[in-house]
Amino acid sequence: MSANNQYIPFDNEDNGISGFHITASDYGMHLLDKVSTTALADEVYIRRQMKYIFNRVCSIYSFFRSMH
């Protein structure tokens, strides 16, 4: 199911809930596959973003500290 990237929310012969759960877990596995292939690049990017956000927060915090 995750090979053709088509996620049908509800099965015809199934009641909707379990069909949705099967689809959701399959979609989750697909996302995990995508994450594992791009984990290194994403980790570098996330660390860069976190460092940038941290610096922004620190500068804003020190700015407000200097105001009072």
N, C-alpha and C. Protein backbone atom coordinates (compact mmCIF):
# COMPACT_ATOMS: atom_id res chain seq x y z
N MET A 1 0.83 -1.20 0.00
CA MET A 1 0.00 0.00 0.00
C MET A 1 0.86 1.25 0.00
N SER A 2 1.97 1.21 0.73
CA SER A 2 2.82 2.39 0.77
C SER A 2 3.69 2.51 -0.47
N ALA A 3 3.63 1.52 -1.36
CA ALA A 3 4.46 1.59 -2.56
C ALA A 3 3.91 2.59 -3.56
N ASN A 4 2.58 2.64 -3.70
CA ASN A 4 2.01 3.52 -4.72
C ASN A 4 1.53 4.85 -4.16
N ASN A 5 1.76 5.08 -2.87
CA ASN A 5 1.46 6.37 -2.24
C ASN A 5 0.00 6.77 -2.35
N GLN A 6 -0.90 5.81 -2.43
CA GLN A 6 -2.33 6.11 -2.44
C GLN A 6 -2.93 5.63 -1.13
N TYR A 7 -3.55 6.54 -0.39
CA TYR A 7 -4.11 6.20 0.91
C TYR A 7 -5.61 6.40 0.85
N ILE A 8 -6.33 5.27 0.86
CA ILE A 8 -7.79 5.32 0.82
C ILE A 8 -8.29 5.31 2.26
N PRO A 9 -9.01 6.34 2.70
CA PRO A 9 -9.37 6.44 4.11
C PRO A 9 -10.27 5.31 4.58
N PHE A 10 -11.22 4.87 3.74
CA PHE A 10 -12.18 3.88 4.20
C PHE A 10 -12.24 2.72 3.22
N ASP A 11 -12.20 1.50 3.79
CA ASP A 11 -12.39 0.31 2.97
C ASP A 11 -13.87 0.09 2.71
N ASN A 12 -14.19 -0.48 1.54
CA ASN A 12 -15.59 -0.72 1.21
C ASN A 12 -16.17 -1.84 2.05
N GLU A 13 -15.42 -2.95 2.20
CA GLU A 13 -15.95 -4.11 2.90
C GLU A 13 -15.67 -4.04 4.39
N ASP A 14 -14.95 -3.04 4.83
CA ASP A 14 -14.64 -2.89 6.25
C ASP A 14 -15.51 -1.79 6.82
N ASN A 15 -15.72 -1.83 8.13
CA ASN A 15 -16.33 -0.63 8.71
C ASN A 15 -15.25 0.46 8.76
N GLY A 16 -15.66 1.70 8.77
CA GLY A 16 -14.75 2.79 8.50
C GLY A 16 -13.60 2.90 9.47
N ILE A 17 -13.86 2.59 10.75
CA ILE A 17 -12.86 2.91 11.77
C ILE A 17 -11.60 2.07 11.59
N SER A 18 -11.77 0.73 11.50
CA SER A 18 -10.59 -0.11 11.38
C SER A 18 -9.89 0.11 10.04
N GLY A 19 -10.67 0.40 9.00
CA GLY A 19 -10.04 0.72 7.73
C GLY A 19 -9.19 1.97 7.85
N PHE A 20 -9.70 2.96 8.58
CA PHE A 20 -8.93 4.18 8.78
C PHE A 20 -7.67 3.90 9.58
N HIS A 21 -7.78 3.04 10.61
CA HIS A 21 -6.60 2.74 11.44
C HIS A 21 -5.53 2.04 10.62
N ILE A 22 -5.94 1.08 9.76
CA ILE A 22 -4.97 0.40 8.91
C ILE A 22 -4.27 1.43 8.02
N THR A 23 -5.07 2.34 7.44
CA THR A 23 -4.50 3.34 6.55
C THR A 23 -3.57 4.27 7.32
N ALA A 24 -3.98 4.66 8.53
CA ALA A 24 -3.15 5.59 9.31
C ALA A 24 -1.82 4.95 9.68
N SER A 25 -1.85 3.67 10.10
CA SER A 25 -0.59 3.02 10.46
C SER A 25 0.29 2.85 9.24
N ASP A 26 -0.33 2.54 8.10
CA ASP A 26 0.45 2.40 6.87
C ASP A 26 1.07 3.73 6.48
N TYR A 27 0.30 4.80 6.61
CA TYR A 27 0.83 6.13 6.32
C TYR A 27 1.95 6.48 7.28
N GLY A 28 1.80 6.09 8.55
CA GLY A 28 2.85 6.33 9.52
C GLY A 28 4.14 5.60 9.16
N MET A 29 4.01 4.35 8.71
CA MET A 29 5.19 3.62 8.28
C MET A 29 5.84 4.29 7.07
N HIS A 30 5.00 4.80 6.17
CA HIS A 30 5.54 5.51 5.00
C HIS A 30 6.31 6.75 5.45
N LEU A 31 5.76 7.47 6.43
CA LEU A 31 6.45 8.65 6.94
C LEU A 31 7.76 8.26 7.61
N LEU A 32 7.74 7.13 8.35
CA LEU A 32 8.97 6.68 8.99
C LEU A 32 10.03 6.33 7.96
N ASP A 33 9.61 5.70 6.86
CA ASP A 33 10.56 5.41 5.79
C ASP A 33 11.16 6.69 5.24
N LYS A 34 10.32 7.70 4.99
CA LYS A 34 10.82 8.95 4.47
C LYS A 34 11.77 9.61 5.46
N VAL A 35 11.39 9.56 6.75
CA VAL A 35 12.23 10.19 7.77
C VAL A 35 13.59 9.49 7.85
N SER A 36 13.58 8.15 7.80
CA SER A 36 14.85 7.43 7.96
C SER A 36 15.78 7.69 6.79
N THR A 37 15.23 7.92 5.59
CA THR A 37 16.11 8.16 4.45
C THR A 37 16.70 9.57 4.51
N THR A 38 15.94 10.53 5.04
CA THR A 38 16.42 11.91 5.08
C THR A 38 16.77 12.33 6.50
N ALA A 39 17.09 11.36 7.36
CA ALA A 39 17.30 11.68 8.77
C ALA A 39 18.52 12.57 8.97
N LEU A 40 19.61 12.27 8.27
CA LEU A 40 20.84 13.03 8.49
C LEU A 40 20.67 14.49 8.07
N ALA A 41 20.16 14.70 6.86
CA ALA A 41 19.98 16.07 6.39
C ALA A 41 19.00 16.82 7.27
N ASP A 42 17.92 16.14 7.67
CA ASP A 42 16.94 16.80 8.52
C ASP A 42 17.53 17.14 9.87
N GLU A 43 18.38 16.25 10.40
CA GLU A 43 18.97 16.52 11.71
C GLU A 43 19.86 17.75 11.66
N VAL A 44 20.66 17.86 10.61
CA VAL A 44 21.51 19.04 10.46
C VAL A 44 20.64 20.29 10.34
N TYR A 45 19.59 20.20 9.53
CA TYR A 45 18.70 21.35 9.32
C TYR A 45 18.00 21.74 10.62
N ILE A 46 17.51 20.73 11.36
CA ILE A 46 16.79 21.01 12.60
C ILE A 46 17.74 21.63 13.61
N ARG A 47 18.98 21.12 13.69
CA ARG A 47 19.93 21.71 14.63
C ARG A 47 20.22 23.16 14.28
N ARG A 48 20.35 23.45 12.98
CA ARG A 48 20.59 24.81 12.55
C ARG A 48 19.41 25.71 12.94
N GLN A 49 18.19 25.19 12.70
CA GLN A 49 17.00 25.96 13.04
C GLN A 49 16.92 26.18 14.55
N MET A 50 17.22 25.15 15.34
CA MET A 50 17.15 25.27 16.78
C MET A 50 18.16 26.28 17.29
N LYS A 51 19.36 26.26 16.72
CA LYS A 51 20.37 27.23 17.13
C LYS A 51 19.93 28.64 16.80
N TYR A 52 19.34 28.82 15.61
CA TYR A 52 18.85 30.13 15.20
C TYR A 52 17.73 30.60 16.13
N ILE A 53 16.77 29.71 16.42
CA ILE A 53 15.66 30.07 17.30
C ILE A 53 16.18 30.38 18.69
N PHE A 54 17.14 29.58 19.17
CA PHE A 54 17.71 29.81 20.50
C PHE A 54 18.38 31.18 20.57
N ASN A 55 19.15 31.52 19.53
CA ASN A 55 19.81 32.82 19.52
C ASN A 55 18.79 33.95 19.49
N ARG A 56 17.73 33.77 18.69
CA ARG A 56 16.68 34.79 18.63
C ARG A 56 16.03 34.97 20.00
N VAL A 57 15.70 33.87 20.65
CA VAL A 57 15.05 33.95 21.96
C VAL A 57 15.97 34.63 22.96
N CYS A 58 17.24 34.29 22.92
CA CYS A 58 18.19 34.90 23.86
C CYS A 58 18.32 36.39 23.61
N SER A 59 18.37 36.79 22.35
CA SER A 59 18.51 38.22 22.07
C SER A 59 17.26 38.98 22.46
N ILE A 60 16.09 38.40 22.19
CA ILE A 60 14.84 39.05 22.60
C ILE A 60 14.76 39.13 24.11
N TYR A 61 15.17 38.06 24.80
CA TYR A 61 15.13 38.03 26.25
C TYR A 61 16.06 39.08 26.84
N SER A 62 17.28 39.18 26.31
CA SER A 62 18.21 40.18 26.83
C SER A 62 17.73 41.58 26.51
N PHE A 63 17.05 41.75 25.37
CA PHE A 63 16.49 43.06 25.04
C PHE A 63 15.44 43.46 26.07
N PHE A 64 14.55 42.53 26.42
CA PHE A 64 13.53 42.85 27.41
C PHE A 64 14.14 43.04 28.79
N ARG A 65 15.22 42.32 29.08
CA ARG A 65 15.89 42.51 30.37
C ARG A 65 16.48 43.91 30.45
N SER A 66 17.02 44.40 29.34
CA SER A 66 17.62 45.73 29.36
C SER A 66 16.56 46.83 29.42
N MET A 67 15.35 46.54 29.01
CA MET A 67 14.29 47.53 29.06
C MET A 67 13.88 47.82 30.49
N HIS A 68 13.82 46.78 31.33
CA HIS A 68 13.34 46.97 32.70
C HIS A 68 14.45 47.48 33.60
